[in-house]
Amino acid sequence: MNIRVYLLLACMASPSVAFGALCPDGTYVAGSTCTLAPDGSYVGGRQPAQLCPDGSYVSGSECRLTPGGSYVGGRKMTLCPDGSYVSGTQCRLQPDGSYTGE
């Protein structure tokens, strides 16, 4: 099998890799902007952080409870290979091994 075909198949079988925004605290968030939440954490996007019932903050206008018990912002959620949930329709693997949504 030629190397190009192998790489294409490998990329199709693995989660998408795209760099989100690297925030000042070393975490990654989806999108290109880090927004500081009142608790000192960062969320992605330019909208104000939304406070969820568990005290965490998410990006977007609503908190969605995941089957794992955490909250994500937005209307859609996706289960990632590590068992975490992200907002959006795709999991994006970050350099630190975490996932962000898209």
PDB file of N, CA and C in Angstrom:
ATOM      1  N   MET A   1       0.860  -1.167   0.000  1.00  0.00           N
ATOM      2  CA  MET A   1       0.000   0.000   0.000  1.00  0.00           C
ATOM      3  C   MET A   1       0.910   1.235   0.000  1.00  0.00           C
ATOM      4  N   ASN A   2       0.592   2.186  -0.816  1.00  0.00           N
ATOM      5  CA  ASN A   2       1.454   3.370  -0.865  1.00  0.00           C
ATOM      6  C   ASN A   2       1.181   4.263   0.350  1.00  0.00           C
ATOM      7  N   ILE A   3       2.174   5.053   0.717  1.00  0.00           N
ATOM      8  CA  ILE A   3       2.126   5.852   1.948  1.00  0.00           C
ATOM      9  C   ILE A   3       0.972   6.851   1.955  1.00  0.00           C
ATOM     10  N   ARG A   4       0.626   7.416   0.831  1.00  0.00           N
ATOM     11  CA  ARG A   4      -0.485   8.383   0.789  1.00  0.00           C
ATOM     12  C   ARG A   4      -1.811   7.724   1.133  1.00  0.00           C
ATOM     13  N   VAL A   5      -2.029   6.538   0.605  1.00  0.00           N
ATOM     14  CA  VAL A   5      -3.268   5.813   0.896  1.00  0.00           C
ATOM     15  C   VAL A   5      -3.309   5.452   2.379  1.00  0.00           C
ATOM     16  N   TYR A   6      -2.175   4.992   2.923  1.00  0.00           N
ATOM     17  CA  TYR A   6      -2.106   4.649   4.337  1.00  0.00           C
ATOM     18  C   TYR A   6      -2.433   5.859   5.215  1.00  0.00           C
ATOM     19  N   LEU A   7      -1.840   7.012   4.927  1.00  0.00           N
ATOM     20  CA  LEU A   7      -2.101   8.217   5.715  1.00  0.00           C
ATOM     21  C   LEU A   7      -3.545   8.654   5.615  1.00  0.00           C
ATOM     22  N   LEU A   8      -4.109   8.565   4.425  1.00  0.00           N
ATOM     23  CA  LEU A   8      -5.511   8.920   4.241  1.00  0.00           C
ATOM     24  C   LEU A   8      -6.407   8.019   5.087  1.00  0.00           C
ATOM     25  N   LEU A   9      -6.152   6.717   5.061  1.00  0.00           N
ATOM     26  CA  LEU A   9      -6.950   5.791   5.859  1.00  0.00           C
ATOM     27  C   LEU A   9      -6.763   6.033   7.349  1.00  0.00           C
ATOM     28  N   ALA A  10      -5.551   6.323   7.775  1.00  0.00           N
ATOM     29  CA  ALA A  10      -5.288   6.596   9.184  1.00  0.00           C
ATOM     30  C   ALA A  10      -6.026   7.846   9.645  1.00  0.00           C
ATOM     31  N   CYS A  11      -6.047   8.871   8.827  1.00  0.00           N
ATOM     32  CA  CYS A  11      -6.751  10.109   9.195  1.00  0.00           C
ATOM     33  C   CYS A  11      -8.260   9.898   9.263  1.00  0.00           C
ATOM     34  N   MET A  12      -8.777   9.074   8.381  1.00  0.00           N
ATOM     35  CA  MET A  12     -10.216   8.822   8.379  1.00  0.00           C
ATOM     36  C   MET A  12     -10.633   8.010   9.599  1.00  0.00           C
ATOM     37  N   ALA A  13      -9.751   7.167  10.117  1.00  0.00           N
ATOM     38  CA  ALA A  13     -10.094   6.302  11.237  1.00  0.00           C
ATOM     39  C   ALA A  13      -9.887   6.959  12.591  1.00  0.00           C
ATOM     40  N   SER A  14      -9.165   8.045  12.642  1.00  0.00           N
ATOM     41  CA  SER A  14      -8.868   8.679  13.924  1.00  0.00           C
ATOM     42  C   SER A  14      -9.687   9.945  14.092  1.00  0.00           C
ATOM     43  N   PRO A  15      -9.816  10.418  15.337  1.00  0.00           N
ATOM     44  CA  PRO A  15     -10.554  11.663  15.553  1.00  0.00           C
ATOM     45  C   PRO A  15      -9.840  12.828  14.890  1.00  0.00           C
ATOM     46  N   SER A  16     -10.592  13.835  14.572  1.00  0.00           N
ATOM     47  CA  SER A  16     -10.016  15.019  13.936  1.00  0.00           C
ATOM     48  C   SER A  16      -9.039  15.703  14.878  1.00  0.00           C
ATOM     49  N   VAL A  17      -7.956  16.194  14.309  1.00  0.00           N
ATOM     50  CA  VAL A  17      -6.993  16.950  15.091  1.00  0.00           C
ATOM     51  C   VAL A  17      -7.016  18.380  14.568  1.00  0.00           C
ATOM     52  N   ALA A  18      -7.388  19.294  15.410  1.00  0.00           N
ATOM     53  CA  ALA A  18      -7.394  20.709  15.058  1.00  0.00           C
ATOM     54  C   ALA A  18      -7.143  21.479  16.335  1.00  0.00           C
ATOM     55  N   PHE A  19      -6.384  22.482  16.236  1.00  0.00           N
ATOM     56  CA  PHE A  19      -6.022  23.209  17.435  1.00  0.00           C
ATOM     57  C   PHE A  19      -7.069  24.246  17.760  1.00  0.00           C
ATOM     58  N   GLY A  20      -7.582  24.159  18.978  1.00  0.00           N
ATOM     59  CA  GLY A  20      -8.462  25.186  19.491  1.00  0.00           C
ATOM     60  C   GLY A  20      -7.580  26.304  20.011  1.00  0.00           C
ATOM     61  N   ALA A  21      -8.157  27.176  20.751  1.00  0.00           N
ATOM     62  CA  ALA A  21      -7.391  28.281  21.321  1.00  0.00           C
ATOM     63  C   ALA A  21      -6.684  27.809  22.591  1.00  0.00           C
ATOM     64  N   LEU A  22      -5.402  28.113  22.708  1.00  0.00           N
ATOM     65  CA  LEU A  22      -4.647  27.834  23.927  1.00  0.00           C
ATOM     66  C   LEU A  22      -4.842  29.028  24.849  1.00  0.00           C
ATOM     67  N   CYS A  23      -5.401  28.771  26.020  1.00  0.00           N
ATOM     68  CA  CYS A  23      -5.707  29.844  26.971  1.00  0.00           C
ATOM     69  C   CYS A  23      -4.535  30.076  27.928  1.00  0.00           C
ATOM     70  N   PRO A  24      -4.533  31.224  28.627  1.00  0.00           N
ATOM     71  CA  PRO A  24      -3.431  31.557  29.531  1.00  0.00           C
ATOM     72  C   PRO A  24      -3.177  30.539  30.640  1.00  0.00           C
ATOM     73  N   ASP A  25      -4.199  29.748  31.022  1.00  0.00           N
ATOM     74  CA  ASP A  25      -3.999  28.758  32.075  1.00  0.00           C
ATOM     75  C   ASP A  25      -3.513  27.410  31.538  1.00  0.00           C
ATOM     76  N   GLY A  26      -3.277  27.334  30.227  1.00  0.00           N
ATOM     77  CA  GLY A  26      -2.765  26.109  29.620  1.00  0.00           C
ATOM     78  C   GLY A  26      -3.818  25.165  29.094  1.00  0.00           C
ATOM     79  N   THR A  27      -5.093  25.492  29.243  1.00  0.00           N
ATOM     80  CA  THR A  27      -6.155  24.645  28.718  1.00  0.00           C
ATOM     81  C   THR A  27      -6.478  25.058  27.289  1.00  0.00           C
ATOM     82  N   TYR A  28      -7.151  24.173  26.576  1.00  0.00           N
ATOM     83  CA  TYR A  28      -7.606  24.453  25.215  1.00  0.00           C
ATOM     84  C   TYR A  28      -9.114  24.575  25.218  1.00  0.00           C
ATOM     85  N   VAL A  29      -9.621  25.475  24.408  1.00  0.00           N
ATOM     86  CA  VAL A  29     -11.059  25.624  24.227  1.00  0.00           C
ATOM     87  C   VAL A  29     -11.374  25.585  22.750  1.00  0.00           C
ATOM     88  N   ALA A  30     -12.615  25.236  22.427  1.00  0.00           N
ATOM     89  CA  ALA A  30     -13.046  25.216  21.038  1.00  0.00           C
ATOM     90  C   ALA A  30     -13.069  26.635  20.487  1.00  0.00           C
ATOM     91  N   GLY A  31     -12.771  26.777  19.240  1.00  0.00           N
ATOM     92  CA  GLY A  31     -12.798  28.085  18.600  1.00  0.00           C
ATOM     93  C   GLY A  31     -11.456  28.779  18.658  1.00  0.00           C
ATOM     94  N   SER A  32     -11.477  30.050  18.415  1.00  0.00           N
ATOM     95  CA  SER A  32     -10.226  30.804  18.330  1.00  0.00           C
ATOM     96  C   SER A  32     -10.060  31.833  19.447  1.00  0.00           C
ATOM     97  N   THR A  33     -11.004  31.863  20.396  1.00  0.00           N
ATOM     98  CA  THR A  33     -10.975  32.869  21.448  1.00  0.00           C
ATOM     99  C   THR A  33     -11.212  32.243  22.812  1.00  0.00           C
ATOM    100  N   CYS A  34     -10.423  32.663  23.792  1.00  0.00           N
ATOM    101  CA  CYS A  34     -10.630  32.256  25.184  1.00  0.00           C
ATOM    102  C   CYS A  34     -11.409  33.368  25.882  1.00  0.00           C
ATOM    103  N   THR A  35     -12.480  32.994  26.569  1.00  0.00           N
ATOM    104  CA  THR A  35     -13.254  33.941  27.349  1.00  0.00           C
ATOM    105  C   THR A  35     -13.141  33.547  28.815  1.00  0.00           C
ATOM    106  N   LEU A  36     -12.738  34.486  29.648  1.00  0.00           N
ATOM    107  CA  LEU A  36     -12.561  34.226  31.071  1.00  0.00           C
ATOM    108  C   LEU A  36     -13.917  34.173  31.765  1.00  0.00           C
ATOM    109  N   ALA A  37     -14.156  33.082  32.491  1.00  0.00           N
ATOM    110  CA  ALA A  37     -15.391  32.928  33.267  1.00  0.00           C
ATOM    111  C   ALA A  37     -15.161  33.497  34.670  1.00  0.00           C
ATOM    112  N   PRO A  38     -16.221  33.821  35.389  1.00  0.00           N
ATOM    113  CA  PRO A  38     -16.085  34.395  36.734  1.00  0.00           C
ATOM    114  C   PRO A  38     -15.305  33.534  37.730  1.00  0.00           C
ATOM    115  N   ASP A  39     -15.258  32.209  37.516  1.00  0.00           N
ATOM    116  CA  ASP A  39     -14.520  31.334  38.443  1.00  0.00           C
ATOM    117  C   ASP A  39     -13.042  31.186  38.076  1.00  0.00           C
ATOM    118  N   GLY A  40     -12.601  31.888  37.042  1.00  0.00           N
ATOM    119  CA  GLY A  40     -11.201  31.823  36.631  1.00  0.00           C
ATOM    120  C   GLY A  40     -10.908  30.804  35.550  1.00  0.00           C
ATOM    121  N   SER A  41     -11.898  30.008  35.165  1.00  0.00           N
ATOM    122  CA  SER A  41     -11.713  29.054  34.071  1.00  0.00           C
ATOM    123  C   SER A  41     -11.947  29.780  32.743  1.00  0.00           C
ATOM    124  N   TYR A  42     -11.660  29.102  31.660  1.00  0.00           N
ATOM    125  CA  TYR A  42     -11.862  29.688  30.334  1.00  0.00           C
ATOM    126  C   TYR A  42     -12.841  28.844  29.540  1.00  0.00           C
ATOM    127  N   VAL A  43     -13.651  29.521  28.734  1.00  0.00           N
ATOM    128  CA  VAL A  43     -14.543  28.867  27.779  1.00  0.00           C
ATOM    129  C   VAL A  43     -14.241  29.444  26.412  1.00  0.00           C
ATOM    130  N   GLY A  44     -14.629  28.719  25.374  1.00  0.00           N
ATOM    131  CA  GLY A  44     -14.388  29.187  24.017  1.00  0.00           C
ATOM    132  C   GLY A  44     -15.457  30.148  23.549  1.00  0.00           C
ATOM    133  N   GLY A  45     -15.100  31.007  22.639  1.00  0.00           N
ATOM    134  CA  GLY A  45     -16.066  31.923  22.049  1.00  0.00           C
ATOM    135  C   GLY A  45     -16.012  33.311  22.640  1.00  0.00           C
ATOM    136  N   ARG A  46     -16.800  34.185  22.063  1.00  0.00           N
ATOM    137  CA  ARG A  46     -16.819  35.585  22.490  1.00  0.00           C
ATOM    138  C   ARG A  46     -18.014  35.923  23.372  1.00  0.00           C
ATOM    139  N   GLN A  47     -18.966  34.992  23.485  1.00  0.00           N
ATOM    140  CA  GLN A  47     -20.130  35.236  24.332  1.00  0.00           C
ATOM    141  C   GLN A  47     -19.738  35.120  25.797  1.00  0.00           C
ATOM    142  N   PRO A  48     -20.453  35.794  26.675  1.00  0.00           N
ATOM    143  CA  PRO A  48     -20.179  35.629  28.110  1.00  0.00           C
ATOM    144  C   PRO A  48     -20.375  34.174  28.521  1.00  0.00           C
ATOM    145  N   ALA A  49     -19.607  33.731  29.495  1.00  0.00           N
ATOM    146  CA  ALA A  49     -19.731  32.368  29.997  1.00  0.00           C
ATOM    147  C   ALA A  49     -21.084  32.185  30.671  1.00  0.00           C
ATOM    148  N   GLN A  50     -21.666  31.007  30.484  1.00  0.00           N
ATOM    149  CA  GLN A  50     -22.967  30.679  31.062  1.00  0.00           C
ATOM    150  C   GLN A  50     -22.753  29.807  32.298  1.00  0.00           C
ATOM    151  N   LEU A  51     -23.337  30.180  33.429  1.00  0.00           N
ATOM    152  CA  LEU A  51     -23.241  29.409  34.665  1.00  0.00           C
ATOM    153  C   LEU A  51     -24.223  28.239  34.620  1.00  0.00           C
ATOM    154  N   CYS A  52     -23.712  27.026  34.887  1.00  0.00           N
ATOM    155  CA  CYS A  52     -24.535  25.813  34.885  1.00  0.00           C
ATOM    156  C   CYS A  52     -24.901  25.425  36.316  1.00  0.00           C
ATOM    157  N   PRO A  53     -25.911  24.558  36.480  1.00  0.00           N
ATOM    158  CA  PRO A  53     -26.368  24.172  37.824  1.00  0.00           C
ATOM    159  C   PRO A  53     -25.293  23.581  38.735  1.00  0.00           C
ATOM    160  N   ASP A  54     -24.247  22.969  38.167  1.00  0.00           N
ATOM    161  CA  ASP A  54     -23.195  22.385  39.002  1.00  0.00           C
ATOM    162  C   ASP A  54     -22.091  23.372  39.369  1.00  0.00           C
ATOM    163  N   GLY A  55     -22.244  24.624  38.937  1.00  0.00           N
ATOM    164  CA  GLY A  55     -21.256  25.650  39.243  1.00  0.00           C
ATOM    165  C   GLY A  55     -20.177  25.820  38.190  1.00  0.00           C
ATOM    166  N   SER A  56     -20.193  24.979  37.160  1.00  0.00           N
ATOM    167  CA  SER A  56     -19.219  25.121  36.076  1.00  0.00           C
ATOM    168  C   SER A  56     -19.737  26.142  35.055  1.00  0.00           C
ATOM    169  N   TYR A  57     -18.869  26.574  34.182  1.00  0.00           N
ATOM    170  CA  TYR A  57     -19.236  27.533  33.149  1.00  0.00           C
ATOM    171  C   TYR A  57     -19.018  26.915  31.778  1.00  0.00           C
ATOM    172  N   VAL A  58     -19.888  27.266  30.852  1.00  0.00           N
ATOM    173  CA  VAL A  58     -19.776  26.813  29.466  1.00  0.00           C
ATOM    174  C   VAL A  58     -19.943  28.003  28.539  1.00  0.00           C
ATOM    175  N   SER A  59     -19.564  27.787  27.316  1.00  0.00           N
ATOM    176  CA  SER A  59     -19.746  28.784  26.274  1.00  0.00           C
ATOM    177  C   SER A  59     -21.147  28.621  25.689  1.00  0.00           C
ATOM    178  N   GLY A  60     -21.739  29.693  25.270  1.00  0.00           N
ATOM    179  CA  GLY A  60     -23.054  29.610  24.645  1.00  0.00           C
ATOM    180  C   GLY A  60     -24.154  30.097  25.552  1.00  0.00           C
ATOM    181  N   SER A  61     -25.374  29.914  25.094  1.00  0.00           N
ATOM    182  CA  SER A  61     -26.511  30.475  25.815  1.00  0.00           C
ATOM    183  C   SER A  61     -27.245  29.456  26.673  1.00  0.00           C
ATOM    184  N   GLU A  62     -26.835  28.201  26.643  1.00  0.00           N
ATOM    185  CA  GLU A  62     -27.527  27.218  27.459  1.00  0.00           C
ATOM    186  C   GLU A  62     -26.568  26.125  27.924  1.00  0.00           C
ATOM    187  N   CYS A  63     -26.910  25.510  29.042  1.00  0.00           N
ATOM    188  CA  CYS A  63     -26.153  24.383  29.597  1.00  0.00           C
ATOM    189  C   CYS A  63     -26.906  23.105  29.255  1.00  0.00           C
ATOM    190  N   ARG A  64     -26.196  22.126  28.740  1.00  0.00           N
ATOM    191  CA  ARG A  64     -26.798  20.819  28.463  1.00  0.00           C
ATOM    192  C   ARG A  64     -26.107  19.783  29.333  1.00  0.00           C
ATOM    193  N   LEU A  65     -26.885  19.028  30.063  1.00  0.00           N
ATOM    194  CA  LEU A  65     -26.359  17.964  30.909  1.00  0.00           C
ATOM    195  C   LEU A  65     -26.026  16.760  30.039  1.00  0.00           C
ATOM    196  N   THR A  66     -24.792  16.264  30.133  1.00  0.00           N
ATOM    197  CA  THR A  66     -24.384  15.090  29.366  1.00  0.00           C
ATOM    198  C   THR A  66     -24.704  13.823  30.151  1.00  0.00           C
ATOM    199  N   PRO A  67     -24.749  12.681  29.487  1.00  0.00           N
ATOM    200  CA  PRO A  67     -24.950  11.417  30.207  1.00  0.00           C
ATOM    201  C   PRO A  67     -23.850  11.148  31.239  1.00  0.00           C
ATOM    202  N   GLY A  68     -22.676  11.764  31.053  1.00  0.00           N
ATOM    203  CA  GLY A  68     -21.583  11.596  31.999  1.00  0.00           C
ATOM    204  C   GLY A  68     -21.697  12.476  33.232  1.00  0.00           C
ATOM    205  N   GLY A  69     -22.689  13.363  33.268  1.00  0.00           N
ATOM    206  CA  GLY A  69     -22.913  14.207  34.427  1.00  0.00           C
ATOM    207  C   GLY A  69     -22.279  15.583  34.355  1.00  0.00           C
ATOM    208  N   SER A  70     -21.520  15.868  33.305  1.00  0.00           N
ATOM    209  CA  SER A  70     -20.939  17.204  33.133  1.00  0.00           C
ATOM    210  C   SER A  70     -21.856  18.037  32.239  1.00  0.00           C
ATOM    211  N   TYR A  71     -21.536  19.286  32.095  1.00  0.00           N
ATOM    212  CA  TYR A  71     -22.333  20.176  31.250  1.00  0.00           C
ATOM    213  C   TYR A  71     -21.509  20.654  30.071  1.00  0.00           C
ATOM    214  N   VAL A  72     -22.185  20.833  28.932  1.00  0.00           N
ATOM    215  CA  VAL A  72     -21.589  21.449  27.753  1.00  0.00           C
ATOM    216  C   VAL A  72     -22.521  22.553  27.291  1.00  0.00           C
ATOM    217  N   GLY A  73     -21.977  23.510  26.573  1.00  0.00           N
ATOM    218  CA  GLY A  73     -22.797  24.596  26.045  1.00  0.00           C
ATOM    219  C   GLY A  73     -23.300  24.257  24.659  1.00  0.00           C
ATOM    220  N   GLY A  74     -24.363  24.891  24.266  1.00  0.00           N
ATOM    221  CA  GLY A  74     -24.884  24.691  22.916  1.00  0.00           C
ATOM    222  C   GLY A  74     -26.003  23.678  22.852  1.00  0.00           C
ATOM    223  N   ARG A  75     -26.437  23.421  21.635  1.00  0.00           N
ATOM    224  CA  ARG A  75     -27.597  22.547  21.445  1.00  0.00           C
ATOM    225  C   ARG A  75     -27.237  21.108  21.135  1.00  0.00           C
ATOM    226  N   LYS A  76     -26.003  20.854  20.707  1.00  0.00           N
ATOM    227  CA  LYS A  76     -25.600  19.496  20.364  1.00  0.00           C
ATOM    228  C   LYS A  76     -24.427  19.077  21.222  1.00  0.00           C
ATOM    229  N   MET A  77     -24.328  17.767  21.464  1.00  0.00           N
ATOM    230  CA  MET A  77     -23.177  17.234  22.194  1.00  0.00           C
ATOM    231  C   MET A  77     -22.706  15.970  21.497  1.00  0.00           C
ATOM    232  N   THR A  78     -21.413  15.704  21.642  1.00  0.00           N
ATOM    233  CA  THR A  78     -20.807  14.541  21.016  1.00  0.00           C
ATOM    234  C   THR A  78     -19.958  13.792  22.036  1.00  0.00           C
ATOM    235  N   LEU A  79     -20.036  12.463  22.013  1.00  0.00           N
ATOM    236  CA  LEU A  79     -19.216  11.607  22.860  1.00  0.00           C
ATOM    237  C   LEU A  79     -17.866  11.400  22.176  1.00  0.00           C
ATOM    238  N   CYS A  80     -16.786  11.692  22.888  1.00  0.00           N
ATOM    239  CA  CYS A  80     -15.430  11.566  22.340  1.00  0.00           C
ATOM    240  C   CYS A  80     -14.821  10.216  22.726  1.00  0.00           C
ATOM    241  N   PRO A  81     -13.740   9.816  22.050  1.00  0.00           N
ATOM    242  CA  PRO A  81     -13.121   8.510  22.314  1.00  0.00           C
ATOM    243  C   PRO A  81     -12.668   8.290  23.758  1.00  0.00           C
ATOM    244  N   ASP A  82     -12.369   9.354  24.494  1.00  0.00           N
ATOM    245  CA  ASP A  82     -11.923   9.189  25.881  1.00  0.00           C
ATOM    246  C   ASP A  82     -13.087   9.133  26.871  1.00  0.00           C
ATOM    247  N   GLY A  83     -14.319   9.172  26.375  1.00  0.00           N
ATOM    248  CA  GLY A  83     -15.492   9.113  27.238  1.00  0.00           C
ATOM    249  C   GLY A  83     -16.032  10.465  27.660  1.00  0.00           C
ATOM    250  N   SER A  84     -15.350  11.547  27.292  1.00  0.00           N
ATOM    251  CA  SER A  84     -15.844  12.885  27.625  1.00  0.00           C
ATOM    252  C   SER A  84     -16.829  13.353  26.555  1.00  0.00           C
ATOM    253  N   TYR A  85     -17.594  14.352  26.890  1.00  0.00           N
ATOM    254  CA  TYR A  85     -18.539  14.942  25.953  1.00  0.00           C
ATOM    255  C   TYR A  85     -18.105  16.368  25.642  1.00  0.00           C
ATOM    256  N   VAL A  86     -18.327  16.780  24.399  1.00  0.00           N
ATOM    257  CA  VAL A  86     -18.044  18.151  23.981  1.00  0.00           C
ATOM    258  C   VAL A  86     -19.270  18.703  23.276  1.00  0.00           C
ATOM    259  N   SER A  87     -19.340  20.025  23.195  1.00  0.00           N
ATOM    260  CA  SER A  87     -20.442  20.627  22.458  1.00  0.00           C
ATOM    261  C   SER A  87     -20.113  20.574  20.972  1.00  0.00           C
ATOM    262  N   GLY A  88     -21.135  20.498  20.164  1.00  0.00           N
ATOM    263  CA  GLY A  88     -20.946  20.443  18.722  1.00  0.00           C
ATOM    264  C   GLY A  88     -21.107  19.044  18.168  1.00  0.00           C
ATOM    265  N   THR A  89     -20.650  18.870  16.941  1.00  0.00           N
ATOM    266  CA  THR A  89     -20.857  17.602  16.243  1.00  0.00           C
ATOM    267  C   THR A  89     -19.578  16.798  16.039  1.00  0.00           C
ATOM    268  N   GLN A  90     -18.422  17.341  16.417  1.00  0.00           N
ATOM    269  CA  GLN A  90     -17.162  16.623  16.244  1.00  0.00           C
ATOM    270  C   GLN A  90     -16.254  16.827  17.441  1.00  0.00           C
ATOM    271  N   CYS A  91     -15.461  15.798  17.727  1.00  0.00           N
ATOM    272  CA  CYS A  91     -14.425  15.884  18.748  1.00  0.00           C
ATOM    273  C   CYS A  91     -13.123  16.281  18.069  1.00  0.00           C
ATOM    274  N   ARG A  92     -12.453  17.263  18.628  1.00  0.00           N
ATOM    275  CA  ARG A  92     -11.162  17.705  18.097  1.00  0.00           C
ATOM    276  C   ARG A  92     -10.094  17.433  19.144  1.00  0.00           C
ATOM    277  N   LEU A  93      -9.154  16.552  18.805  1.00  0.00           N
ATOM    278  CA  LEU A  93      -8.073  16.202  19.718  1.00  0.00           C
ATOM    279  C   LEU A  93      -7.073  17.348  19.796  1.00  0.00           C
ATOM    280  N   GLN A  94      -6.746  17.761  21.018  1.00  0.00           N
ATOM    281  CA  GLN A  94      -5.814  18.866  21.242  1.00  0.00           C
ATOM    282  C   GLN A  94      -4.433  18.326  21.613  1.00  0.00           C
ATOM    283  N   PRO A  95      -3.407  19.157  21.513  1.00  0.00           N
ATOM    284  CA  PRO A  95      -2.043  18.699  21.808  1.00  0.00           C
ATOM    285  C   PRO A  95      -1.862  18.137  23.218  1.00  0.00           C
ATOM    286  N   ASP A  96      -2.686  18.554  24.171  1.00  0.00           N
ATOM    287  CA  ASP A  96      -2.541  18.054  25.537  1.00  0.00           C
ATOM    288  C   ASP A  96      -3.333  16.757  25.773  1.00  0.00           C
ATOM    289  N   GLY A  97      -3.968  16.229  24.738  1.00  0.00           N
ATOM    290  CA  GLY A  97      -4.729  14.984  24.852  1.00  0.00           C
ATOM    291  C   GLY A  97      -6.190  15.171  25.170  1.00  0.00           C
ATOM    292  N   SER A  98      -6.611  16.393  25.425  1.00  0.00           N
ATOM    293  CA  SER A  98      -8.021  16.661  25.694  1.00  0.00           C
ATOM    294  C   SER A  98      -8.770  16.849  24.376  1.00  0.00           C
ATOM    295  N   TYR A  99     -10.080  16.882  24.463  1.00  0.00           N
ATOM    296  CA  TYR A  99     -10.906  17.099  23.291  1.00  0.00           C
ATOM    297  C   TYR A  99     -11.688  18.400  23.442  1.00  0.00           C
ATOM    298  N   THR A 100     -11.865  19.090  22.336  1.00  0.00           N
ATOM    299  CA  THR A 100     -12.771  20.228  22.270  1.00  0.00           C
ATOM    300  C   THR A 100     -13.789  19.932  21.180  1.00  0.00           C
ATOM    301  N   GLY A 101     -14.896  20.614  21.207  1.00  0.00           N
ATOM    302  CA  GLY A 101     -15.935  20.397  20.225  1.00  0.00           C
ATOM    303  C   GLY A 101     -15.785  21.307  19.022  1.00  0.00           C
ATOM    304  N   GLU A 102     -16.566  20.991  18.035  1.00  0.00           N
ATOM    305  CA  GLU A 102     -16.639  21.845  16.837  1.00  0.00           C
ATOM    306  C   GLU A 102     -18.039  21.846  16.317  1.00  0.00           C
TER     307      GLU A 102
END
